[in-house]
Amino acid sequence: MSELASKKCIPCKGGVSPLKGEALQALQKQVEVWNVVEEHHLLKSFKFPDFRNALKFVNRVGAIAEEQGHHPVITLAWGKADITIYTHKINGLTESDFILAAKIDTIRIP
């Protein structure tokens, strides 16, 4: 488990600036398979052999999101789930977004 995956998401109360530049790049290196899009959100597509496994994955993502109090945008399709993460309150990225991404990466679907 990565260092980020062992942390807990911290609810954003607003009034902070989204991560940019070097701070953003340092965290991105810890979740390299996620794409940082326009310094605004994280995006990753997950592939599965069928709808059932994609749904299992999405349900596990939902359980982590509820536990962490941090909710991604999830798009589910046959054999595929796209996850988009950002902090809505500041319309950008915080460390908690990377924590959630790292936790999602620990999910294993047989």
C-alpha atoms as a PDB file:
ATOM      1  CA  MET A   1       0.000   0.000   0.000  1.00  0.00           C
ATOM      2  CA  SER A   2       1.335   3.427  -0.893  1.00  0.00           C
ATOM      3  CA  GLU A   3       1.858   6.132   1.682  1.00  0.00           C
ATOM      4  CA  LEU A   4      -1.033   8.081   0.208  1.00  0.00           C
ATOM      5  CA  ALA A   5      -3.376   5.088   0.429  1.00  0.00           C
ATOM      6  CA  SER A   6      -2.738   4.847   4.168  1.00  0.00           C
ATOM      7  CA  LYS A   7      -3.876   8.442   4.775  1.00  0.00           C
ATOM      8  CA  LYS A   8      -7.419   9.672   5.362  1.00  0.00           C
ATOM      9  CA  CYS A   9      -9.168  12.248   3.188  1.00  0.00           C
ATOM     10  CA  ILE A  10      -9.689  15.566   4.923  1.00  0.00           C
ATOM     11  CA  PRO A  11     -12.951  17.370   4.147  1.00  0.00           C
ATOM     12  CA  CYS A  12     -12.346  20.674   2.378  1.00  0.00           C
ATOM     13  CA  LYS A  13     -14.082  23.642   3.934  1.00  0.00           C
ATOM     14  CA  GLY A  14     -13.127  25.945   1.089  1.00  0.00           C
ATOM     15  CA  GLY A  15     -10.934  29.000   1.347  1.00  0.00           C
ATOM     16  CA  VAL A  16      -7.851  27.152   0.114  1.00  0.00           C
ATOM     17  CA  SER A  17      -6.282  27.295  -3.293  1.00  0.00           C
ATOM     18  CA  PRO A  18      -6.201  24.221  -5.536  1.00  0.00           C
ATOM     19  CA  LEU A  19      -2.829  22.549  -5.964  1.00  0.00           C
ATOM     20  CA  LYS A  20      -0.781  23.753  -8.913  1.00  0.00           C
ATOM     21  CA  GLY A  21       2.698  23.314 -10.375  1.00  0.00           C
ATOM     22  CA  GLU A  22       5.344  21.476  -8.363  1.00  0.00           C
ATOM     23  CA  ALA A  23       3.044  20.561  -5.458  1.00  0.00           C
ATOM     24  CA  LEU A  24       0.671  18.941  -7.931  1.00  0.00           C
ATOM     25  CA  GLN A  25       3.480  17.144  -9.773  1.00  0.00           C
ATOM     26  CA  ALA A  26       4.907  15.700  -6.553  1.00  0.00           C
ATOM     27  CA  LEU A  27       1.585  14.081  -5.669  1.00  0.00           C
ATOM     28  CA  GLN A  28       0.972  12.963  -9.244  1.00  0.00           C
ATOM     29  CA  LYS A  29       4.192  10.926  -9.141  1.00  0.00           C
ATOM     30  CA  GLN A  30       2.634   8.855  -6.361  1.00  0.00           C
ATOM     31  CA  VAL A  31      -0.387   7.917  -8.511  1.00  0.00           C
ATOM     32  CA  GLU A  32       1.329   7.823 -11.899  1.00  0.00           C
ATOM     33  CA  VAL A  33      -1.349   5.849 -13.698  1.00  0.00           C
ATOM     34  CA  TRP A  34      -3.896   8.618 -13.077  1.00  0.00           C
ATOM     35  CA  ASN A  35      -4.036  11.472 -15.558  1.00  0.00           C
ATOM     36  CA  VAL A  36      -3.968  15.004 -14.210  1.00  0.00           C
ATOM     37  CA  VAL A  37      -6.209  16.959 -16.566  1.00  0.00           C
ATOM     38  CA  GLU A  38      -5.607  20.711 -16.874  1.00  0.00           C
ATOM     39  CA  GLU A  39      -4.418  20.853 -13.242  1.00  0.00           C
ATOM     40  CA  HIS A  40      -8.108  20.484 -12.347  1.00  0.00           C
ATOM     41  CA  HIS A  41      -9.002  16.820 -11.931  1.00  0.00           C
ATOM     42  CA  LEU A  42      -7.692  13.270 -11.896  1.00  0.00           C
ATOM     43  CA  LEU A  43      -8.992  10.794 -14.448  1.00  0.00           C
ATOM     44  CA  LYS A  44      -8.485   7.060 -14.866  1.00  0.00           C
ATOM     45  CA  SER A  45     -10.275   4.413 -16.914  1.00  0.00           C
ATOM     46  CA  PHE A  46     -10.541   0.872 -15.601  1.00  0.00           C
ATOM     47  CA  LYS A  47     -11.231  -2.075 -17.935  1.00  0.00           C
ATOM     48  CA  PHE A  48     -13.079  -5.274 -17.015  1.00  0.00           C
ATOM     49  CA  PRO A  49     -14.090  -8.427 -18.891  1.00  0.00           C
ATOM     50  CA  ASP A  50     -17.799  -7.791 -18.338  1.00  0.00           C
ATOM     51  CA  PHE A  51     -20.404  -5.549 -16.746  1.00  0.00           C
ATOM     52  CA  ARG A  52     -20.622  -7.581 -13.510  1.00  0.00           C
ATOM     53  CA  ASN A  53     -16.960  -6.989 -12.620  1.00  0.00           C
ATOM     54  CA  ALA A  54     -17.162  -3.314 -13.570  1.00  0.00           C
ATOM     55  CA  LEU A  55     -20.160  -2.970 -11.259  1.00  0.00           C
ATOM     56  CA  LYS A  56     -18.345  -4.775  -8.421  1.00  0.00           C
ATOM     57  CA  PHE A  57     -15.484  -2.333  -8.817  1.00  0.00           C
ATOM     58  CA  VAL A  58     -17.795   0.689  -8.837  1.00  0.00           C
ATOM     59  CA  ASN A  59     -19.505  -0.567  -5.676  1.00  0.00           C
ATOM     60  CA  ARG A  60     -16.135  -0.881  -3.933  1.00  0.00           C
ATOM     61  CA  VAL A  61     -15.176   2.611  -5.065  1.00  0.00           C
ATOM     62  CA  GLY A  62     -18.485   3.816  -3.621  1.00  0.00           C
ATOM     63  CA  ALA A  63     -17.762   2.142  -0.281  1.00  0.00           C
ATOM     64  CA  ILE A  64     -14.339   3.823  -0.081  1.00  0.00           C
ATOM     65  CA  ALA A  65     -15.862   7.168  -1.077  1.00  0.00           C
ATOM     66  CA  GLU A  66     -18.459   6.916   1.686  1.00  0.00           C
ATOM     67  CA  GLU A  67     -15.843   5.884   4.243  1.00  0.00           C
ATOM     68  CA  GLN A  68     -13.628   8.819   3.259  1.00  0.00           C
ATOM     69  CA  GLY A  69     -16.411  11.371   2.816  1.00  0.00           C
ATOM     70  CA  HIS A  70     -14.974  12.226  -0.594  1.00  0.00           C
ATOM     71  CA  HIS A  71     -16.995  11.329  -3.677  1.00  0.00           C
ATOM     72  CA  PRO A  72     -15.708  10.945  -7.236  1.00  0.00           C
ATOM     73  CA  VAL A  73     -17.618  11.169 -10.471  1.00  0.00           C
ATOM     74  CA  ILE A  74     -18.141   7.595 -11.674  1.00  0.00           C
ATOM     75  CA  THR A  75     -19.152   6.567 -15.186  1.00  0.00           C
ATOM     76  CA  LEU A  76     -20.075   2.898 -15.544  1.00  0.00           C
ATOM     77  CA  ALA A  77     -20.411   1.050 -18.855  1.00  0.00           C
ATOM     78  CA  TRP A  78     -20.082  -2.519 -20.045  1.00  0.00           C
ATOM     79  CA  GLY A  79     -16.523  -3.610 -19.172  1.00  0.00           C
ATOM     80  CA  LYS A  80     -15.432  -0.128 -18.175  1.00  0.00           C
ATOM     81  CA  ALA A  81     -15.514   2.387 -15.332  1.00  0.00           C
ATOM     82  CA  ASP A  82     -14.163   5.925 -15.581  1.00  0.00           C
ATOM     83  CA  ILE A  83     -13.325   7.716 -12.347  1.00  0.00           C
ATOM     84  CA  THR A  84     -12.920  11.490 -12.157  1.00  0.00           C
ATOM     85  CA  ILE A  85     -11.751  13.024  -8.892  1.00  0.00           C
ATOM     86  CA  TYR A  86     -11.509  16.636  -7.799  1.00  0.00           C
ATOM     87  CA  THR A  87     -12.535  18.733  -4.827  1.00  0.00           C
ATOM     88  CA  HIS A  88     -15.836  20.342  -5.761  1.00  0.00           C
ATOM     89  CA  LYS A  89     -15.660  22.979  -3.017  1.00  0.00           C
ATOM     90  CA  ILE A  90     -12.577  24.605  -4.580  1.00  0.00           C
ATOM     91  CA  ASN A  91     -13.105  23.362  -8.152  1.00  0.00           C
ATOM     92  CA  GLY A  92      -9.632  21.836  -8.282  1.00  0.00           C
ATOM     93  CA  LEU A  93      -7.247  19.362  -6.713  1.00  0.00           C
ATOM     94  CA  THR A  94      -6.204  18.835  -3.089  1.00  0.00           C
ATOM     95  CA  GLU A  95      -4.109  16.139  -1.436  1.00  0.00           C
ATOM     96  CA  SER A  96      -7.340  14.303  -0.558  1.00  0.00           C
ATOM     97  CA  ASP A  97      -8.005  13.735  -4.260  1.00  0.00           C
ATOM     98  CA  PHE A  98      -4.707  11.896  -4.562  1.00  0.00           C
ATOM     99  CA  ILE A  99      -5.402   9.965  -1.364  1.00  0.00           C
ATOM    100  CA  LEU A 100      -8.711   8.782  -2.810  1.00  0.00           C
ATOM    101  CA  ALA A 101      -7.025   7.822  -6.100  1.00  0.00           C
ATOM    102  CA  ALA A 102      -4.397   5.785  -4.212  1.00  0.00           C
ATOM    103  CA  LYS A 103      -7.108   4.024  -2.194  1.00  0.00           C
ATOM    104  CA  ILE A 104      -9.040   3.196  -5.379  1.00  0.00           C
ATOM    105  CA  ASP A 105      -5.857   1.690  -6.826  1.00  0.00           C
ATOM    106  CA  THR A 106      -5.822  -0.865  -3.979  1.00  0.00           C
ATOM    107  CA  ILE A 107      -9.114  -2.412  -5.168  1.00  0.00           C
ATOM    108  CA  ARG A 108      -8.668  -5.844  -6.700  1.00  0.00           C
ATOM    109  CA  ILE A 109     -11.437  -7.509  -8.679  1.00  0.00           C
ATOM    110  CA  PRO A 110     -10.707 -11.160  -9.490  1.00  0.00           C
END
